[in-house]
């Protein structure tokens, strides 16, 4: 039987800036390819090296990102 996710080791990815050039959703594939299974989610809202979530600016991107990450097991 497979262990629940919370009983497995966490391999946490952390990208601290947003330099993806509009390819934010591609980061999910990179994390999965590198073996990560969790993320300190910062870069989609980052403006250089600081981030504040603004629903008007970030909601749609975050919804798409979280949906893709969840489907990928991240």
C-alpha atoms as a PDB file:
ATOM      1  CA  UNK A   1       0.000   0.000   0.000  1.00  0.00           C
ATOM      2  CA  UNK A   2       1.274   3.471  -0.830  1.00  0.00           C
ATOM      3  CA  UNK A   3       1.994   5.853   1.998  1.00  0.00           C
ATOM      4  CA  UNK A   4      -0.077   9.036   2.250  1.00  0.00           C
ATOM      5  CA  UNK A   5       1.796  12.134   1.016  1.00  0.00           C
ATOM      6  CA  UNK A   6       2.244  13.428   4.576  1.00  0.00           C
ATOM      7  CA  UNK A   7       4.212  10.309   5.579  1.00  0.00           C
ATOM      8  CA  UNK A   8       6.699  10.651   2.724  1.00  0.00           C
ATOM      9  CA  UNK A   9       9.781  12.890   2.753  1.00  0.00           C
ATOM     10  CA  UNK A  10       9.119  16.385   1.420  1.00  0.00           C
ATOM     11  CA  UNK A  11      11.416  17.578  -1.338  1.00  0.00           C
ATOM     12  CA  UNK A  12      10.605  21.277  -1.359  1.00  0.00           C
ATOM     13  CA  UNK A  13      11.385  23.509  -4.341  1.00  0.00           C
ATOM     14  CA  UNK A  14      11.785  27.249  -3.827  1.00  0.00           C
ATOM     15  CA  UNK A  15      12.187  29.786  -6.619  1.00  0.00           C
ATOM     16  CA  UNK A  16      12.608  33.191  -5.014  1.00  0.00           C
ATOM     17  CA  UNK A  17      12.119  35.471  -7.983  1.00  0.00           C
ATOM     18  CA  UNK A  18      10.052  35.736 -11.132  1.00  0.00           C
ATOM     19  CA  UNK A  19      12.315  35.608 -14.146  1.00  0.00           C
ATOM     20  CA  UNK A  20      10.283  33.057 -16.115  1.00  0.00           C
ATOM     21  CA  UNK A  21       9.416  35.567 -18.817  1.00  0.00           C
ATOM     22  CA  UNK A  22       5.739  34.628 -18.879  1.00  0.00           C
ATOM     23  CA  UNK A  23       6.424  30.884 -18.694  1.00  0.00           C
ATOM     24  CA  UNK A  24       5.391  30.495 -15.051  1.00  0.00           C
ATOM     25  CA  UNK A  25       3.340  27.350 -15.673  1.00  0.00           C
ATOM     26  CA  UNK A  26       6.422  25.632 -17.164  1.00  0.00           C
ATOM     27  CA  UNK A  27       8.063  25.662 -13.735  1.00  0.00           C
ATOM     28  CA  UNK A  28       5.750  22.858 -12.555  1.00  0.00           C
ATOM     29  CA  UNK A  29       7.236  20.491 -15.156  1.00  0.00           C
ATOM     30  CA  UNK A  30      10.771  21.403 -14.097  1.00  0.00           C
ATOM     31  CA  UNK A  31      10.016  20.710 -10.422  1.00  0.00           C
ATOM     32  CA  UNK A  32       8.476  17.323 -11.218  1.00  0.00           C
ATOM     33  CA  UNK A  33      11.382  16.387 -13.532  1.00  0.00           C
ATOM     34  CA  UNK A  34      13.817  17.255 -10.723  1.00  0.00           C
ATOM     35  CA  UNK A  35      11.982  15.079  -8.177  1.00  0.00           C
ATOM     36  CA  UNK A  36      10.369  17.767  -6.042  1.00  0.00           C
ATOM     37  CA  UNK A  37       6.989  17.018  -4.480  1.00  0.00           C
ATOM     38  CA  UNK A  38       6.274  20.326  -2.710  1.00  0.00           C
ATOM     39  CA  UNK A  39       6.895  23.999  -3.365  1.00  0.00           C
ATOM     40  CA  UNK A  40       7.314  27.193  -1.410  1.00  0.00           C
ATOM     41  CA  UNK A  41       5.121  29.097  -3.830  1.00  0.00           C
ATOM     42  CA  UNK A  42       6.534  32.590  -4.277  1.00  0.00           C
ATOM     43  CA  UNK A  43       7.596  33.235  -7.871  1.00  0.00           C
ATOM     44  CA  UNK A  44       4.156  33.676  -9.555  1.00  0.00           C
ATOM     45  CA  UNK A  45       3.550  36.813  -7.462  1.00  0.00           C
ATOM     46  CA  UNK A  46       7.131  38.019  -7.344  1.00  0.00           C
ATOM     47  CA  UNK A  47       8.133  41.422  -8.604  1.00  0.00           C
ATOM     48  CA  UNK A  48      11.868  40.852  -8.782  1.00  0.00           C
ATOM     49  CA  UNK A  49      12.614  39.656  -5.224  1.00  0.00           C
ATOM     50  CA  UNK A  50       9.502  40.630  -3.262  1.00  0.00           C
ATOM     51  CA  UNK A  51       5.937  39.400  -3.533  1.00  0.00           C
ATOM     52  CA  UNK A  52       2.508  40.403  -2.341  1.00  0.00           C
ATOM     53  CA  UNK A  53      -0.538  38.508  -3.531  1.00  0.00           C
ATOM     54  CA  UNK A  54      -3.007  40.798  -5.300  1.00  0.00           C
ATOM     55  CA  UNK A  55      -6.216  38.961  -6.260  1.00  0.00           C
ATOM     56  CA  UNK A  56      -6.855  41.313  -9.175  1.00  0.00           C
ATOM     57  CA  UNK A  57      -3.425  40.564 -10.668  1.00  0.00           C
ATOM     58  CA  UNK A  58      -2.641  37.032  -9.565  1.00  0.00           C
ATOM     59  CA  UNK A  59      -5.868  35.049  -9.094  1.00  0.00           C
ATOM     60  CA  UNK A  60      -6.119  33.511 -12.575  1.00  0.00           C
ATOM     61  CA  UNK A  61      -2.422  32.625 -12.754  1.00  0.00           C
ATOM     62  CA  UNK A  62      -2.492  31.110  -9.262  1.00  0.00           C
ATOM     63  CA  UNK A  63      -5.605  29.060 -10.033  1.00  0.00           C
ATOM     64  CA  UNK A  64      -3.992  27.667 -13.192  1.00  0.00           C
ATOM     65  CA  UNK A  65      -0.656  27.060 -11.453  1.00  0.00           C
ATOM     66  CA  UNK A  66      -2.150  25.269  -8.449  1.00  0.00           C
ATOM     67  CA  UNK A  67      -4.370  23.160 -10.699  1.00  0.00           C
ATOM     68  CA  UNK A  68      -1.407  22.082 -12.846  1.00  0.00           C
ATOM     69  CA  UNK A  69       0.801  21.459  -9.802  1.00  0.00           C
ATOM     70  CA  UNK A  70      -1.853  19.365  -8.077  1.00  0.00           C
ATOM     71  CA  UNK A  71      -2.430  17.283 -11.221  1.00  0.00           C
ATOM     72  CA  UNK A  72       1.343  16.680 -11.422  1.00  0.00           C
ATOM     73  CA  UNK A  73       1.529  15.536  -7.793  1.00  0.00           C
ATOM     74  CA  UNK A  74       3.386  18.616  -6.596  1.00  0.00           C
END
